[in-house]
Amino acid sequence: MPKPASRITKTARKKAAAPAIAYEPWLIERLKDPAEAAAYIEAAIEEDNQPALMMALRHVAQAQGGISKIARKSKLTREATYRMLSASGNPELRSLTAILDAAGLRLSVKPIGRRAA
């Protein structure tokens, strides 16, 4: 028999406050700075979460004028770009680098740290 939910849980759900400000407009504004955009994408890559990375790329594209503009600059179709940047998107390396290039970014590789001998 399932355990009934406590009164506190029900009350807490009813009284949950709305966020003080919407985070997406604030985030999009911050991501106009290439250094912020690069750090944001790098953090998403470190999460090792494909949908999170696609969302980060979408946010960066929105900050750079929108997905349609990024699609034009990267010489990809708008539909393909939207599909690539969806939560289930899985862009090829050349498409990913084209999108990053259109956003003024590029991929790079760096060592994780010192290896034990």
Protein backbone atom coordinates (compact mmCIF):
# COMPACT_ATOMS: atom_id res chain seq x y z
CA MET A 1 0.00 0.00 0.00
CA PRO A 2 1.55 3.37 -0.99
CA LYS A 3 2.54 5.75 1.74
CA PRO A 4 0.33 8.87 1.78
CA ALA A 5 2.01 12.19 1.06
CA SER A 6 2.61 14.33 4.11
CA ARG A 7 0.74 17.57 4.66
CA ILE A 8 4.01 19.48 4.52
CA THR A 9 4.75 18.20 1.02
CA LYS A 10 1.29 19.16 -0.24
CA THR A 11 1.52 22.59 1.39
CA ALA A 12 5.02 23.21 0.07
CA ARG A 13 3.88 22.43 -3.47
CA LYS A 14 0.97 24.84 -3.21
CA LYS A 15 3.10 27.68 -1.83
CA ALA A 16 6.07 27.33 -4.19
CA ALA A 17 7.03 30.84 -5.19
CA ALA A 18 7.59 31.82 -8.79
CA PRO A 19 11.16 32.80 -9.64
CA ALA A 20 11.94 36.45 -8.96
CA ILE A 21 13.10 36.94 -12.57
CA ALA A 22 12.94 34.79 -15.66
CA TYR A 23 16.38 33.27 -16.11
CA GLU A 24 16.40 32.76 -19.89
CA PRO A 25 16.40 36.45 -20.93
CA TRP A 26 19.15 37.10 -18.36
CA LEU A 27 21.13 34.08 -19.59
CA ILE A 28 20.74 35.00 -23.28
CA GLU A 29 22.01 38.50 -22.52
CA ARG A 30 25.08 37.09 -20.72
CA LEU A 31 25.79 34.64 -23.54
CA LYS A 32 26.30 37.50 -25.99
CA ASP A 33 29.81 37.69 -24.50
CA PRO A 34 31.93 35.06 -26.33
CA ALA A 35 33.88 34.21 -23.16
CA GLU A 36 30.64 33.54 -21.26
CA ALA A 37 29.27 31.48 -24.16
CA ALA A 38 32.46 29.41 -24.32
CA ALA A 39 32.42 28.76 -20.57
CA TYR A 40 28.73 27.83 -20.69
CA ILE A 41 29.26 25.29 -23.48
CA GLU A 42 32.37 23.92 -21.79
CA ALA A 43 30.40 23.38 -18.58
CA ALA A 44 27.68 21.58 -20.55
CA ILE A 45 30.30 19.32 -22.16
CA GLU A 46 31.76 18.50 -18.74
CA GLU A 47 28.28 17.43 -17.57
CA ASP A 48 28.47 14.61 -20.16
CA ASN A 49 24.78 15.11 -20.88
CA GLN A 50 23.81 15.35 -24.57
CA PRO A 51 20.45 17.12 -24.04
CA ALA A 52 22.13 19.68 -21.75
CA LEU A 53 24.78 20.36 -24.39
CA MET A 54 22.12 20.82 -27.08
CA MET A 55 20.25 23.24 -24.80
CA ALA A 56 23.47 25.18 -24.17
CA LEU A 57 24.11 25.40 -27.91
CA ARG A 58 20.51 26.57 -28.44
CA HIS A 59 20.94 29.29 -25.81
CA VAL A 60 24.18 30.46 -27.41
CA ALA A 61 22.51 30.49 -30.85
CA GLN A 62 19.65 32.58 -29.43
CA ALA A 63 22.18 35.01 -27.95
CA GLN A 64 23.87 35.36 -31.33
CA GLY A 65 20.70 36.48 -33.09
CA GLY A 66 18.62 33.32 -33.16
CA ILE A 67 18.79 29.86 -34.62
CA SER A 68 17.75 31.06 -38.10
CA LYS A 69 20.65 33.52 -38.20
CA ILE A 70 23.11 30.87 -36.98
CA ALA A 71 21.77 28.48 -39.64
CA ARG A 72 22.38 31.07 -42.39
CA LYS A 73 25.88 31.88 -41.12
CA SER A 74 26.79 28.19 -40.83
CA LYS A 75 25.32 27.42 -44.29
CA LEU A 76 22.94 24.82 -42.81
CA THR A 77 19.20 24.72 -43.33
CA ARG A 78 17.07 26.27 -40.62
CA GLU A 79 15.13 23.03 -40.16
CA ALA A 80 18.29 20.94 -39.83
CA THR A 81 19.74 23.41 -37.33
CA TYR A 82 16.59 23.35 -35.19
CA ARG A 83 16.63 19.54 -35.32
CA MET A 84 20.35 19.39 -34.42
CA LEU A 85 19.88 21.69 -31.45
CA SER A 86 16.84 19.87 -30.10
CA ALA A 87 17.12 17.87 -26.88
CA SER A 88 17.45 14.70 -28.95
CA GLY A 89 19.82 16.29 -31.48
CA ASN A 90 23.03 14.54 -32.41
CA PRO A 91 24.95 16.77 -34.83
CA GLU A 92 27.86 15.50 -36.88
CA LEU A 93 31.22 17.03 -36.02
CA ARG A 94 31.25 19.19 -39.16
CA SER A 95 27.76 20.55 -38.38
CA LEU A 96 28.72 21.20 -34.76
CA THR A 97 31.87 23.05 -35.78
CA ALA A 98 29.88 25.06 -38.37
CA ILE A 99 27.39 26.13 -35.68
CA LEU A 100 30.16 27.01 -33.24
CA ASP A 101 32.01 28.95 -35.97
CA ALA A 102 28.84 30.89 -36.79
CA ALA A 103 28.58 31.77 -33.08
CA GLY A 104 32.22 32.92 -33.03
CA LEU A 105 33.44 29.85 -31.11
CA ARG A 106 35.50 26.75 -31.82
CA LEU A 107 36.23 23.37 -30.30
CA SER A 108 39.52 22.80 -28.56
CA VAL A 109 41.15 19.97 -26.69
CA LYS A 110 43.18 20.29 -23.52
CA PRO A 111 44.75 17.77 -21.18
CA ILE A 112 42.72 16.64 -18.19
CA GLY A 113 45.68 16.79 -15.86
CA ARG A 114 48.91 15.03 -15.09
CA ARG A 115 48.92 11.30 -15.60
CA ALA A 116 50.48 9.08 -13.00
CA ALA A 117 53.52 7.29 -14.37
